[in-house]
Amino acid sequence: MCFEKSTIAKTFNDFVHYHSCKLVDKLPNSVGKYGEYFVISFYSKLGVRSNLAFPSVPDAKVLKYNSLSPNKATGLDGLPSRFIRDGAPLIVGPLRHIINLSLIQGKVSDELKNVRVVPLF
């Protein structure tokens, strides 16, 4: 038995991570199952236009959502929110490029899929 909060949190995080990875491994492979043809035919049956596209995101829209509180903890990247908020005008170009690339390719990089589970007592 353990009563130290940080050890309990780490154990819980390890438990969730381990079991979620096992569940993902059990999922059937969907490669080719939901390809472009499947999506187009599915939405055409619903009467939705098949030319669904996302417009590229301009710098102004990325900067609009820069409302990070300087009192928040860092994320997995280790960058303080104040650093991101104050440096937004300088990093908006590369960030916009990543967002637009994700929209164009329909993919999210594995580096952006990380998560840290923290239980609240």
PDB file of N, CA and C in Angstrom:
ATOM      1  N   MET A   1       0.843  -1.179   0.000  1.00  0.00           N
ATOM      2  CA  MET A   1       0.000   0.000   0.000  1.00  0.00           C
ATOM      3  C   MET A   1       0.887   1.241   0.000  1.00  0.00           C
ATOM      4  N   CYS A   2       0.374   2.261  -0.648  1.00  0.00           N
ATOM      5  CA  CYS A   2       1.133   3.500  -0.758  1.00  0.00           C
ATOM      6  C   CYS A   2       0.200   4.671  -0.478  1.00  0.00           C
ATOM      7  N   PHE A   3       0.714   5.673   0.211  1.00  0.00           N
ATOM      8  CA  PHE A   3      -0.095   6.833   0.543  1.00  0.00           C
ATOM      9  C   PHE A   3       0.512   8.136   0.029  1.00  0.00           C
ATOM     10  N   GLU A   4       1.629   8.039  -0.665  1.00  0.00           N
ATOM     11  CA  GLU A   4       2.273   9.232  -1.212  1.00  0.00           C
ATOM     12  C   GLU A   4       1.561   9.627  -2.511  1.00  0.00           C
ATOM     13  N   LYS A   5       1.091  10.864  -2.602  1.00  0.00           N
ATOM     14  CA  LYS A   5       0.264  11.311  -3.726  1.00  0.00           C
ATOM     15  C   LYS A   5       0.966  11.163  -5.068  1.00  0.00           C
ATOM     16  N   SER A   6       2.241  11.505  -5.147  1.00  0.00           N
ATOM     17  CA  SER A   6       2.939  11.427  -6.435  1.00  0.00           C
ATOM     18  C   SER A   6       3.107   9.977  -6.882  1.00  0.00           C
ATOM     19  N   THR A   7       3.341   9.071  -5.962  1.00  0.00           N
ATOM     20  CA  THR A   7       3.466   7.650  -6.310  1.00  0.00           C
ATOM     21  C   THR A   7       2.121   7.084  -6.745  1.00  0.00           C
ATOM     22  N   ILE A   8       1.053   7.475  -6.070  1.00  0.00           N
ATOM     23  CA  ILE A   8      -0.292   7.034  -6.453  1.00  0.00           C
ATOM     24  C   ILE A   8      -0.620   7.538  -7.858  1.00  0.00           C
ATOM     25  N   ALA A   9      -0.323   8.804  -8.135  1.00  0.00           N
ATOM     26  CA  ALA A   9      -0.597   9.382  -9.450  1.00  0.00           C
ATOM     27  C   ALA A   9       0.206   8.676 -10.534  1.00  0.00           C
ATOM     28  N   LYS A  10       1.485   8.415 -10.277  1.00  0.00           N
ATOM     29  CA  LYS A  10       2.323   7.730 -11.273  1.00  0.00           C
ATOM     30  C   LYS A  10       1.823   6.314 -11.508  1.00  0.00           C
ATOM     31  N   THR A  11       1.443   5.612 -10.453  1.00  0.00           N
ATOM     32  CA  THR A  11       0.931   4.249 -10.589  1.00  0.00           C
ATOM     33  C   THR A  11      -0.360   4.247 -11.395  1.00  0.00           C
ATOM     34  N   PHE A  12      -1.239   5.200 -11.120  1.00  0.00           N
ATOM     35  CA  PHE A  12      -2.494   5.305 -11.863  1.00  0.00           C
ATOM     36  C   PHE A  12      -2.215   5.605 -13.333  1.00  0.00           C
ATOM     37  N   ASN A  13      -1.299   6.525 -13.598  1.00  0.00           N
ATOM     38  CA  ASN A  13      -0.938   6.870 -14.975  1.00  0.00           C
ATOM     39  C   ASN A  13      -0.376   5.653 -15.704  1.00  0.00           C
ATOM     40  N   ASP A  14       0.519   4.917 -15.064  1.00  0.00           N
ATOM     41  CA  ASP A  14       1.095   3.712 -15.675  1.00  0.00           C
ATOM     42  C   ASP A  14       0.011   2.672 -15.956  1.00  0.00           C
ATOM     43  N   PHE A  15      -0.931   2.515 -15.036  1.00  0.00           N
ATOM     44  CA  PHE A  15      -2.023   1.562 -15.197  1.00  0.00           C
ATOM     45  C   PHE A  15      -2.877   1.912 -16.413  1.00  0.00           C
ATOM     46  N   VAL A  16      -3.296   3.180 -16.500  1.00  0.00           N
ATOM     47  CA  VAL A  16      -4.138   3.613 -17.621  1.00  0.00           C
ATOM     48  C   VAL A  16      -3.384   3.469 -18.941  1.00  0.00           C
ATOM     49  N   HIS A  17      -2.120   3.867 -18.960  1.00  0.00           N
ATOM     50  CA  HIS A  17      -1.325   3.773 -20.183  1.00  0.00           C
ATOM     51  C   HIS A  17      -1.165   2.320 -20.632  1.00  0.00           C
ATOM     52  N   TYR A  18      -0.840   1.439 -19.710  1.00  0.00           N
ATOM     53  CA  TYR A  18      -0.628   0.028 -20.035  1.00  0.00           C
ATOM     54  C   TYR A  18      -1.900  -0.593 -20.599  1.00  0.00           C
ATOM     55  N   HIS A  19      -3.022  -0.391 -19.916  1.00  0.00           N
ATOM     56  CA  HIS A  19      -4.260  -1.028 -20.344  1.00  0.00           C
ATOM     57  C   HIS A  19      -4.832  -0.398 -21.609  1.00  0.00           C
ATOM     58  N   SER A  20      -4.642   0.891 -21.806  1.00  0.00           N
ATOM     59  CA  SER A  20      -5.122   1.501 -23.041  1.00  0.00           C
ATOM     60  C   SER A  20      -4.298   1.007 -24.228  1.00  0.00           C
ATOM     61  N   CYS A  21      -3.003   0.796 -24.047  1.00  0.00           N
ATOM     62  CA  CYS A  21      -2.179   0.245 -25.134  1.00  0.00           C
ATOM     63  C   CYS A  21      -2.616  -1.177 -25.470  1.00  0.00           C
ATOM     64  N   LYS A  22      -2.946  -1.967 -24.463  1.00  0.00           N
ATOM     65  CA  LYS A  22      -3.422  -3.329 -24.709  1.00  0.00           C
ATOM     66  C   LYS A  22      -4.741  -3.314 -25.473  1.00  0.00           C
ATOM     67  N   LEU A  23      -5.637  -2.381 -25.137  1.00  0.00           N
ATOM     68  CA  LEU A  23      -6.911  -2.290 -25.839  1.00  0.00           C
ATOM     69  C   LEU A  23      -6.717  -1.867 -27.291  1.00  0.00           C
ATOM     70  N   VAL A  24      -5.829  -0.923 -27.526  1.00  0.00           N
ATOM     71  CA  VAL A  24      -5.563  -0.473 -28.893  1.00  0.00           C
ATOM     72  C   VAL A  24      -4.998  -1.618 -29.727  1.00  0.00           C
ATOM     73  N   ASP A  25      -4.130  -2.435 -29.140  1.00  0.00           N
ATOM     74  CA  ASP A  25      -3.555  -3.567 -29.863  1.00  0.00           C
ATOM     75  C   ASP A  25      -4.614  -4.585 -30.264  1.00  0.00           C
ATOM     76  N   LYS A  26      -5.711  -4.657 -29.527  1.00  0.00           N
ATOM     77  CA  LYS A  26      -6.775  -5.618 -29.825  1.00  0.00           C
ATOM     78  C   LYS A  26      -7.724  -5.126 -30.915  1.00  0.00           C
ATOM     79  N   LEU A  27      -7.685  -3.828 -31.237  1.00  0.00           N
ATOM     80  CA  LEU A  27      -8.573  -3.294 -32.257  1.00  0.00           C
ATOM     81  C   LEU A  27      -8.210  -3.861 -33.625  1.00  0.00           C
ATOM     82  N   PRO A  28      -9.214  -4.127 -34.459  1.00  0.00           N
ATOM     83  CA  PRO A  28      -8.909  -4.640 -35.803  1.00  0.00           C
ATOM     84  C   PRO A  28      -8.244  -3.563 -36.649  1.00  0.00           C
ATOM     85  N   ASN A  29      -7.414  -3.994 -37.560  1.00  0.00           N
ATOM     86  CA  ASN A  29      -6.721  -3.081 -38.450  1.00  0.00           C
ATOM     87  C   ASN A  29      -7.729  -2.476 -39.423  1.00  0.00           C
ATOM     88  N   SER A  30      -7.743  -1.144 -39.524  1.00  0.00           N
ATOM     89  CA  SER A  30      -8.713  -0.484 -40.382  1.00  0.00           C
ATOM     90  C   SER A  30      -8.083   0.103 -41.638  1.00  0.00           C
ATOM     91  N   VAL A  31      -6.851  -0.278 -41.942  1.00  0.00           N
ATOM     92  CA  VAL A  31      -6.180   0.244 -43.124  1.00  0.00           C
ATOM     93  C   VAL A  31      -6.958  -0.194 -44.365  1.00  0.00           C
ATOM     94  N   GLY A  32      -7.339   0.771 -45.190  1.00  0.00           N
ATOM     95  CA  GLY A  32      -8.088   0.488 -46.409  1.00  0.00           C
ATOM     96  C   GLY A  32      -9.578   0.326 -46.176  1.00  0.00           C
ATOM     97  N   LYS A  33      -9.977   0.053 -44.974  1.00  0.00           N
ATOM     98  CA  LYS A  33     -11.396  -0.166 -44.676  1.00  0.00           C
ATOM     99  C   LYS A  33     -12.178   1.134 -44.786  1.00  0.00           C
ATOM    100  N   TYR A  34     -11.599   2.217 -44.343  1.00  0.00           N
ATOM    101  CA  TYR A  34     -12.271   3.505 -44.377  1.00  0.00           C
ATOM    102  C   TYR A  34     -11.482   4.486 -45.238  1.00  0.00           C
ATOM    103  N   GLY A  35     -11.150   4.076 -46.422  1.00  0.00           N
ATOM    104  CA  GLY A  35     -10.390   4.918 -47.335  1.00  0.00           C
ATOM    105  C   GLY A  35     -11.250   6.014 -47.945  1.00  0.00           C
ATOM    106  N   GLU A  36     -10.675   6.723 -48.892  1.00  0.00           N
ATOM    107  CA  GLU A  36     -11.348   7.868 -49.511  1.00  0.00           C
ATOM    108  C   GLU A  36     -12.649   7.451 -50.192  1.00  0.00           C
ATOM    109  N   TYR A  37     -12.630   6.311 -50.888  1.00  0.00           N
ATOM    110  CA  TYR A  37     -13.840   5.856 -51.583  1.00  0.00           C
ATOM    111  C   TYR A  37     -14.968   5.592 -50.600  1.00  0.00           C
ATOM    112  N   PHE A  38     -14.665   4.958 -49.469  1.00  0.00           N
ATOM    113  CA  PHE A  38     -15.678   4.655 -48.454  1.00  0.00           C
ATOM    114  C   PHE A  38     -16.302   5.938 -47.925  1.00  0.00           C
ATOM    115  N   VAL A  39     -15.480   6.928 -47.606  1.00  0.00           N
ATOM    116  CA  VAL A  39     -15.975   8.187 -47.050  1.00  0.00           C
ATOM    117  C   VAL A  39     -16.843   8.921 -48.062  1.00  0.00           C
ATOM    118  N   ILE A  40     -16.396   8.999 -49.318  1.00  0.00           N
ATOM    119  CA  ILE A  40     -17.167   9.689 -50.358  1.00  0.00           C
ATOM    120  C   ILE A  40     -18.512   9.006 -50.580  1.00  0.00           C
ATOM    121  N   SER A  41     -18.512   7.669 -50.669  1.00  0.00           N
ATOM    122  CA  SER A  41     -19.768   6.964 -50.907  1.00  0.00           C
ATOM    123  C   SER A  41     -20.707   7.087 -49.710  1.00  0.00           C
ATOM    124  N   PHE A  42     -20.172   7.070 -48.502  1.00  0.00           N
ATOM    125  CA  PHE A  42     -21.000   7.198 -47.301  1.00  0.00           C
ATOM    126  C   PHE A  42     -21.694   8.557 -47.273  1.00  0.00           C
ATOM    127  N   TYR A  43     -20.932   9.628 -47.475  1.00  0.00           N
ATOM    128  CA  TYR A  43     -21.531  10.953 -47.413  1.00  0.00           C
ATOM    129  C   TYR A  43     -22.398  11.273 -48.621  1.00  0.00           C
ATOM    130  N   SER A  44     -22.115  10.684 -49.775  1.00  0.00           N
ATOM    131  CA  SER A  44     -22.973  10.932 -50.935  1.00  0.00           C
ATOM    132  C   SER A  44     -24.350  10.317 -50.717  1.00  0.00           C
ATOM    133  N   LYS A  45     -24.430   9.193 -49.983  1.00  0.00           N
ATOM    134  CA  LYS A  45     -25.727   8.592 -49.661  1.00  0.00           C
ATOM    135  C   LYS A  45     -26.546   9.490 -48.743  1.00  0.00           C
ATOM    136  N   LEU A  46     -25.868  10.296 -47.943  1.00  0.00           N
ATOM    137  CA  LEU A  46     -26.554  11.209 -47.035  1.00  0.00           C
ATOM    138  C   LEU A  46     -26.910  12.536 -47.702  1.00  0.00           C
ATOM    139  N   GLY A  47     -26.484  12.707 -48.950  1.00  0.00           N
ATOM    140  CA  GLY A  47     -26.762  13.953 -49.652  1.00  0.00           C
ATOM    141  C   GLY A  47     -25.769  15.050 -49.351  1.00  0.00           C
ATOM    142  N   VAL A  48     -24.654  14.709 -48.752  1.00  0.00           N
ATOM    143  CA  VAL A  48     -23.624  15.697 -48.447  1.00  0.00           C
ATOM    144  C   VAL A  48     -22.695  15.813 -49.642  1.00  0.00           C
ATOM    145  N   ARG A  49     -22.314  17.053 -49.956  1.00  0.00           N
ATOM    146  CA  ARG A  49     -21.397  17.245 -51.088  1.00  0.00           C
ATOM    147  C   ARG A  49     -20.081  16.524 -50.832  1.00  0.00           C
ATOM    148  N   SER A  50     -19.513  15.965 -51.882  1.00  0.00           N
ATOM    149  CA  SER A  50     -18.265  15.219 -51.723  1.00  0.00           C
ATOM    150  C   SER A  50     -17.032  16.101 -51.767  1.00  0.00           C
ATOM    151  N   ASN A  51     -17.193  17.396 -51.999  1.00  0.00           N
ATOM    152  CA  ASN A  51     -16.024  18.270 -52.062  1.00  0.00           C
ATOM    153  C   ASN A  51     -15.801  18.979 -50.730  1.00  0.00           C
ATOM    154  N   LEU A  52     -15.861  18.208 -49.654  1.00  0.00           N
ATOM    155  CA  LEU A  52     -15.619  18.747 -48.325  1.00  0.00           C
ATOM    156  C   LEU A  52     -14.144  19.120 -48.191  1.00  0.00           C
ATOM    157  N   ALA A  53     -13.894  20.362 -47.805  1.00  0.00           N
ATOM    158  CA  ALA A  53     -12.513  20.824 -47.652  1.00  0.00           C
ATOM    159  C   ALA A  53     -12.459  21.856 -46.537  1.00  0.00           C
ATOM    160  N   PHE A  54     -11.333  21.904 -45.866  1.00  0.00           N
ATOM    161  CA  PHE A  54     -11.117  22.893 -44.827  1.00  0.00           C
ATOM    162  C   PHE A  54     -10.266  24.013 -45.401  1.00  0.00           C
ATOM    163  N   PRO A  55     -10.654  25.254 -45.141  1.00  0.00           N
ATOM    164  CA  PRO A  55      -9.806  26.347 -45.608  1.00  0.00           C
ATOM    165  C   PRO A  55      -8.534  26.417 -44.773  1.00  0.00           C
ATOM    166  N   SER A  56      -7.483  26.955 -45.363  1.00  0.00           N
ATOM    167  CA  SER A  56      -6.244  27.081 -44.593  1.00  0.00           C
ATOM    168  C   SER A  56      -6.448  28.112 -43.480  1.00  0.00           C
ATOM    169  N   VAL A  57      -5.723  27.930 -42.418  1.00  0.00           N
ATOM    170  CA  VAL A  57      -5.859  28.781 -41.233  1.00  0.00           C
ATOM    171  C   VAL A  57      -4.870  29.938 -41.339  1.00  0.00           C
ATOM    172  N   PRO A  58      -5.370  31.191 -41.271  1.00  0.00           N
ATOM    173  CA  PRO A  58      -4.449  32.341 -41.330  1.00  0.00           C
ATOM    174  C   PRO A  58      -3.817  32.628 -39.963  1.00  0.00           C
ATOM    175  N   ASP A  59      -2.736  33.399 -39.974  1.00  0.00           N
ATOM    176  CA  ASP A  59      -2.035  33.759 -38.734  1.00  0.00           C
ATOM    177  C   ASP A  59      -2.968  34.421 -37.724  1.00  0.00           C
ATOM    178  N   ALA A  60      -3.844  35.309 -38.201  1.00  0.00           N
ATOM    179  CA  ALA A  60      -4.729  36.048 -37.297  1.00  0.00           C
ATOM    180  C   ALA A  60      -5.632  35.107 -36.502  1.00  0.00           C
ATOM    181  N   LYS A  61      -6.076  34.025 -37.125  1.00  0.00           N
ATOM    182  CA  LYS A  61      -6.956  33.087 -36.417  1.00  0.00           C
ATOM    183  C   LYS A  61      -6.187  32.305 -35.357  1.00  0.00           C
ATOM    184  N   VAL A  62      -4.936  31.968 -35.646  1.00  0.00           N
ATOM    185  CA  VAL A  62      -4.112  31.263 -34.660  1.00  0.00           C
ATOM    186  C   VAL A  62      -3.865  32.177 -33.460  1.00  0.00           C
ATOM    187  N   LEU A  63      -3.554  33.440 -33.721  1.00  0.00           N
ATOM    188  CA  LEU A  63      -3.294  34.397 -32.639  1.00  0.00           C
ATOM    189  C   LEU A  63      -4.552  34.699 -31.828  1.00  0.00           C
ATOM    190  N   LYS A  64      -5.728  34.577 -32.438  1.00  0.00           N
ATOM    191  CA  LYS A  64      -6.991  34.864 -31.752  1.00  0.00           C
ATOM    192  C   LYS A  64      -7.195  33.950 -30.545  1.00  0.00           C
ATOM    193  N   TYR A  65      -6.727  32.711 -30.638  1.00  0.00           N
ATOM    194  CA  TYR A  65      -6.930  31.740 -29.567  1.00  0.00           C
ATOM    195  C   TYR A  65      -5.753  31.687 -28.591  1.00  0.00           C
ATOM    196  N   ASN A  66      -4.940  32.711 -28.558  1.00  0.00           N
ATOM    197  CA  ASN A  66      -3.790  32.757 -27.665  1.00  0.00           C
ATOM    198  C   ASN A  66      -4.205  33.395 -26.337  1.00  0.00           C
ATOM    199  N   SER A  67      -4.986  32.654 -25.555  1.00  0.00           N
ATOM    200  CA  SER A  67      -5.446  33.184 -24.274  1.00  0.00           C
ATOM    201  C   SER A  67      -4.925  32.329 -23.125  1.00  0.00           C
ATOM    202  N   LEU A  68      -3.685  31.887 -23.240  1.00  0.00           N
ATOM    203  CA  LEU A  68      -3.094  31.051 -22.203  1.00  0.00           C
ATOM    204  C   LEU A  68      -2.844  31.862 -20.943  1.00  0.00           C
ATOM    205  N   SER A  69      -3.199  31.291 -19.813  1.00  0.00           N
ATOM    206  CA  SER A  69      -2.940  31.950 -18.533  1.00  0.00           C
ATOM    207  C   SER A  69      -1.478  31.714 -18.136  1.00  0.00           C
ATOM    208  N   PRO A  70      -0.779  32.763 -17.699  1.00  0.00           N
ATOM    209  CA  PRO A  70       0.627  32.577 -17.313  1.00  0.00           C
ATOM    210  C   PRO A  70       0.778  31.775 -16.023  1.00  0.00           C
ATOM    211  N   ASN A  71      -0.314  31.517 -15.325  1.00  0.00           N
ATOM    212  CA  ASN A  71      -0.264  30.784 -14.065  1.00  0.00           C
ATOM    213  C   ASN A  71      -0.473  29.281 -14.228  1.00  0.00           C
ATOM    214  N   LYS A  72      -0.616  28.812 -15.452  1.00  0.00           N
ATOM    215  CA  LYS A  72      -0.850  27.383 -15.687  1.00  0.00           C
ATOM    216  C   LYS A  72       0.474  26.628 -15.744  1.00  0.00           C
ATOM    217  N   ALA A  73       0.406  25.341 -15.420  1.00  0.00           N
ATOM    218  CA  ALA A  73       1.600  24.486 -15.446  1.00  0.00           C
ATOM    219  C   ALA A  73       2.009  24.191 -16.885  1.00  0.00           C
ATOM    220  N   THR A  74       3.233  23.743 -17.047  1.00  0.00           N
ATOM    221  CA  THR A  74       3.721  23.395 -18.384  1.00  0.00           C
ATOM    222  C   THR A  74       3.072  22.100 -18.855  1.00  0.00           C
ATOM    223  N   GLY A  75       3.074  21.911 -20.152  1.00  0.00           N
ATOM    224  CA  GLY A  75       2.550  20.676 -20.727  1.00  0.00           C
ATOM    225  C   GLY A  75       3.668  19.668 -20.908  1.00  0.00           C
ATOM    226  N   LEU A  76       3.430  18.672 -21.753  1.00  0.00           N
ATOM    227  CA  LEU A  76       4.451  17.653 -22.009  1.00  0.00           C
ATOM    228  C   LEU A  76       5.681  18.227 -22.688  1.00  0.00           C
ATOM    229  N   ASP A  77       5.515  19.368 -23.378  1.00  0.00           N
ATOM    230  CA  ASP A  77       6.657  19.979 -24.054  1.00  0.00           C
ATOM    231  C   ASP A  77       7.585  20.724 -23.087  1.00  0.00           C
ATOM    232  N   GLY A  78       7.122  20.978 -21.848  1.00  0.00           N
ATOM    233  CA  GLY A  78       7.953  21.647 -20.858  1.00  0.00           C
ATOM    234  C   GLY A  78       8.049  23.151 -21.039  1.00  0.00           C
ATOM    235  N   LEU A  79       7.298  23.704 -21.990  1.00  0.00           N
ATOM    236  CA  LEU A  79       7.339  25.152 -22.224  1.00  0.00           C
ATOM    237  C   LEU A  79       6.301  25.849 -21.344  1.00  0.00           C
ATOM    238  N   PRO A  80       6.701  26.851 -20.592  1.00  0.00           N
ATOM    239  CA  PRO A  80       5.737  27.587 -19.773  1.00  0.00           C
ATOM    240  C   PRO A  80       4.717  28.308 -20.661  1.00  0.00           C
ATOM    241  N   SER A  81       3.483  28.412 -20.194  1.00  0.00           N
ATOM    242  CA  SER A  81       2.434  29.049 -20.997  1.00  0.00           C
ATOM    243  C   SER A  81       2.754  30.526 -21.244  1.00  0.00           C
ATOM    244  N   ARG A  82       3.442  31.159 -20.317  1.00  0.00           N
ATOM    245  CA  ARG A  82       3.812  32.565 -20.527  1.00  0.00           C
ATOM    246  C   ARG A  82       4.783  32.702 -21.703  1.00  0.00           C
ATOM    247  N   PHE A  83       5.703  31.760 -21.843  1.00  0.00           N
ATOM    248  CA  PHE A  83       6.645  31.772 -22.958  1.00  0.00           C
ATOM    249  C   PHE A  83       5.896  31.668 -24.283  1.00  0.00           C
ATOM    250  N   ILE A  84       4.903  30.765 -24.328  1.00  0.00           N
ATOM    251  CA  ILE A  84       4.120  30.585 -25.561  1.00  0.00           C
ATOM    252  C   ILE A  84       3.280  31.826 -25.833  1.00  0.00           C
ATOM    253  N   ARG A  85       2.637  32.359 -24.795  1.00  0.00           N
ATOM    254  CA  ARG A  85       1.787  33.538 -24.973  1.00  0.00           C
ATOM    255  C   ARG A  85       2.597  34.748 -25.429  1.00  0.00           C
ATOM    256  N   ASP A  86       3.725  35.010 -24.776  1.00  0.00           N
ATOM    257  CA  ASP A  86       4.535  36.178 -25.127  1.00  0.00           C
ATOM    258  C   ASP A  86       5.259  35.997 -26.460  1.00  0.00           C
ATOM    259  N   GLY A  87       5.587  34.761 -26.804  1.00  0.00           N
ATOM    260  CA  GLY A  87       6.301  34.509 -28.052  1.00  0.00           C
ATOM    261  C   GLY A  87       5.392  34.184 -29.225  1.00  0.00           C
ATOM    262  N   ALA A  88       4.083  34.305 -29.031  1.00  0.00           N
ATOM    263  CA  ALA A  88       3.119  33.936 -30.073  1.00  0.00           C
ATOM    264  C   ALA A  88       3.389  34.610 -31.422  1.00  0.00           C
ATOM    265  N   PRO A  89       3.678  35.912 -31.455  1.00  0.00           N
ATOM    266  CA  PRO A  89       3.921  36.531 -32.764  1.00  0.00           C
ATOM    267  C   PRO A  89       5.101  35.905 -33.521  1.00  0.00           C
ATOM    268  N   LEU A  90       6.053  35.332 -32.785  1.00  0.00           N
ATOM    269  CA  LEU A  90       7.221  34.732 -33.432  1.00  0.00           C
ATOM    270  C   LEU A  90       6.990  33.283 -33.853  1.00  0.00           C
ATOM    271  N   ILE A  91       6.158  32.559 -33.109  1.00  0.00           N
ATOM    272  CA  ILE A  91       5.952  31.136 -33.415  1.00  0.00           C
ATOM    273  C   ILE A  91       4.674  30.880 -34.204  1.00  0.00           C
ATOM    274  N   VAL A  92       3.916  31.941 -34.505  1.00  0.00           N
ATOM    275  CA  VAL A  92       2.648  31.745 -35.200  1.00  0.00           C
ATOM    276  C   VAL A  92       2.857  31.171 -36.607  1.00  0.00           C
ATOM    277  N   GLY A  93       3.914  31.536 -37.284  1.00  0.00           N
ATOM    278  CA  GLY A  93       4.172  31.029 -38.638  1.00  0.00           C
ATOM    279  C   GLY A  93       4.368  29.516 -38.662  1.00  0.00           C
ATOM    280  N   PRO A  94       5.327  28.984 -37.888  1.00  0.00           N
ATOM    281  CA  PRO A  94       5.504  27.534 -37.863  1.00  0.00           C
ATOM    282  C   PRO A  94       4.269  26.790 -37.329  1.00  0.00           C
ATOM    283  N   LEU A  95       3.597  27.371 -36.331  1.00  0.00           N
ATOM    284  CA  LEU A  95       2.400  26.734 -35.781  1.00  0.00           C
ATOM    285  C   LEU A  95       1.287  26.675 -36.823  1.00  0.00           C
ATOM    286  N   ARG A  96       1.088  27.759 -37.551  1.00  0.00           N
ATOM    287  CA  ARG A  96       0.095  27.787 -38.628  1.00  0.00           C
ATOM    288  C   ARG A  96       0.431  26.744 -39.688  1.00  0.00           C
ATOM    289  N   HIS A  97       1.708  26.619 -40.015  1.00  0.00           N
ATOM    290  CA  HIS A  97       2.141  25.634 -41.006  1.00  0.00           C
ATOM    291  C   HIS A  97       1.795  24.211 -40.552  1.00  0.00           C
ATOM    292  N   ILE A  98       2.029  23.906 -39.272  1.00  0.00           N
ATOM    293  CA  ILE A  98       1.718  22.575 -38.740  1.00  0.00           C
ATOM    294  C   ILE A  98       0.209  22.318 -38.786  1.00  0.00           C
ATOM    295  N   ILE A  99      -0.580  23.319 -38.398  1.00  0.00           N
ATOM    296  CA  ILE A  99      -2.041  23.169 -38.415  1.00  0.00           C
ATOM    297  C   ILE A  99      -2.534  22.940 -39.836  1.00  0.00           C
ATOM    298  N   ASN A 100      -2.079  23.759 -40.784  1.00  0.00           N
ATOM    299  CA  ASN A 100      -2.520  23.618 -42.171  1.00  0.00           C
ATOM    300  C   ASN A 100      -2.061  22.300 -42.787  1.00  0.00           C
ATOM    301  N   LEU A 101      -0.851  21.871 -42.462  1.00  0.00           N
ATOM    302  CA  LEU A 101      -0.353  20.596 -42.966  1.00  0.00           C
ATOM    303  C   LEU A 101      -1.212  19.441 -42.447  1.00  0.00           C
ATOM    304  N   SER A 102      -1.608  19.536 -41.201  1.00  0.00           N
ATOM    305  CA  SER A 102      -2.471  18.518 -40.600  1.00  0.00           C
ATOM    306  C   SER A 102      -3.826  18.484 -41.306  1.00  0.00           C
ATOM    307  N   LEU A 103      -4.390  19.655 -41.615  1.00  0.00           N
ATOM    308  CA  LEU A 103      -5.680  19.716 -42.315  1.00  0.00           C
ATOM    309  C   LEU A 103      -5.573  19.188 -43.738  1.00  0.00           C
ATOM    310  N   ILE A 104      -4.503  19.534 -44.431  1.00  0.00           N
ATOM    311  CA  ILE A 104      -4.322  19.106 -45.821  1.00  0.00           C
ATOM    312  C   ILE A 104      -4.129  17.593 -45.907  1.00  0.00           C
ATOM    313  N   GLN A 105      -3.284  17.048 -45.036  1.00  0.00           N
ATOM    314  CA  GLN A 105      -2.978  15.620 -45.083  1.00  0.00           C
ATOM    315  C   GLN A 105      -4.013  14.766 -44.358  1.00  0.00           C
ATOM    316  N   GLY A 106      -4.835  15.391 -43.520  1.00  0.00           N
ATOM    317  CA  GLY A 106      -5.812  14.633 -42.741  1.00  0.00           C
ATOM    318  C   GLY A 106      -5.173  13.771 -41.680  1.00  0.00           C
ATOM    319  N   LYS A 107      -4.022  14.200 -41.182  1.00  0.00           N
ATOM    320  CA  LYS A 107      -3.278  13.434 -40.178  1.00  0.00           C
ATOM    321  C   LYS A 107      -2.862  14.351 -39.038  1.00  0.00           C
ATOM    322  N   VAL A 108      -2.686  13.742 -37.880  1.00  0.00           N
ATOM    323  CA  VAL A 108      -2.122  14.435 -36.731  1.00  0.00           C
ATOM    324  C   VAL A 108      -0.864  13.669 -36.354  1.00  0.00           C
ATOM    325  N   SER A 109       0.251  14.372 -36.219  1.00  0.00           N
ATOM    326  CA  SER A 109       1.516  13.687 -35.941  1.00  0.00           C
ATOM    327  C   SER A 109       1.464  12.990 -34.585  1.00  0.00           C
ATOM    328  N   ASP A 110       2.203  11.912 -34.467  1.00  0.00           N
ATOM    329  CA  ASP A 110       2.232  11.140 -33.224  1.00  0.00           C
ATOM    330  C   ASP A 110       2.709  11.977 -32.040  1.00  0.00           C
ATOM    331  N   GLU A 111       3.589  12.961 -32.305  1.00  0.00           N
ATOM    332  CA  GLU A 111       4.099  13.803 -31.230  1.00  0.00           C
ATOM    333  C   GLU A 111       2.990  14.638 -30.593  1.00  0.00           C
ATOM    334  N   LEU A 112       1.914  14.918 -31.337  1.00  0.00           N
ATOM    335  CA  LEU A 112       0.813  15.718 -30.804  1.00  0.00           C
ATOM    336  C   LEU A 112      -0.270  14.870 -30.153  1.00  0.00           C
ATOM    337  N   LYS A 113      -0.082  13.557 -30.124  1.00  0.00           N
ATOM    338  CA  LYS A 113      -1.076  12.654 -29.556  1.00  0.00           C
ATOM    339  C   LYS A 113      -0.725  12.184 -28.149  1.00  0.00           C
ATOM    340  N   ASN A 114       0.316  12.735 -27.559  1.00  0.00           N
ATOM    341  CA  ASN A 114       0.711  12.341 -26.210  1.00  0.00           C
ATOM    342  C   ASN A 114      -0.239  12.945 -25.187  1.00  0.00           C
ATOM    343  N   VAL A 115      -0.401  12.247 -24.093  1.00  0.00           N
ATOM    344  CA  VAL A 115      -1.286  12.730 -23.035  1.00  0.00           C
ATOM    345  C   VAL A 115      -0.710  12.334 -21.678  1.00  0.00           C
ATOM    346  N   ARG A 116      -0.959  13.149 -20.709  1.00  0.00           N
ATOM    347  CA  ARG A 116      -0.571  12.841 -19.338  1.00  0.00           C
ATOM    348  C   ARG A 116      -1.850  12.798 -18.514  1.00  0.00           C
ATOM    349  N   VAL A 117      -2.148  11.660 -17.909  1.00  0.00           N
ATOM    350  CA  VAL A 117      -3.330  11.509 -17.074  1.00  0.00           C
ATOM    351  C   VAL A 117      -2.958  11.819 -15.643  1.00  0.00           C
ATOM    352  N   VAL A 118      -3.665  12.778 -15.052  1.00  0.00           N
ATOM    353  CA  VAL A 118      -3.380  13.175 -13.677  1.00  0.00           C
ATOM    354  C   VAL A 118      -4.665  13.056 -12.875  1.00  0.00           C
ATOM    355  N   PRO A 119      -4.715  12.128 -11.919  1.00  0.00           N
ATOM    356  CA  PRO A 119      -5.935  12.024 -11.115  1.00  0.00           C
ATOM    357  C   PRO A 119      -6.043  13.200 -10.139  1.00  0.00           C
ATOM    358  N   LEU A 120      -7.250  13.686  -9.966  1.00  0.00           N
ATOM    359  CA  LEU A 120      -7.492  14.776  -9.026  1.00  0.00           C
ATOM    360  C   LEU A 120      -8.065  14.189  -7.747  1.00  0.00           C
ATOM    361  N   PHE A 121      -7.455  14.500  -6.639  1.00  0.00           N
ATOM    362  CA  PHE A 121      -7.908  13.954  -5.361  1.00  0.00           C
ATOM    363  C   PHE A 121      -8.998  14.826  -4.776  1.00  0.00           C
TER     364      PHE A 121
END
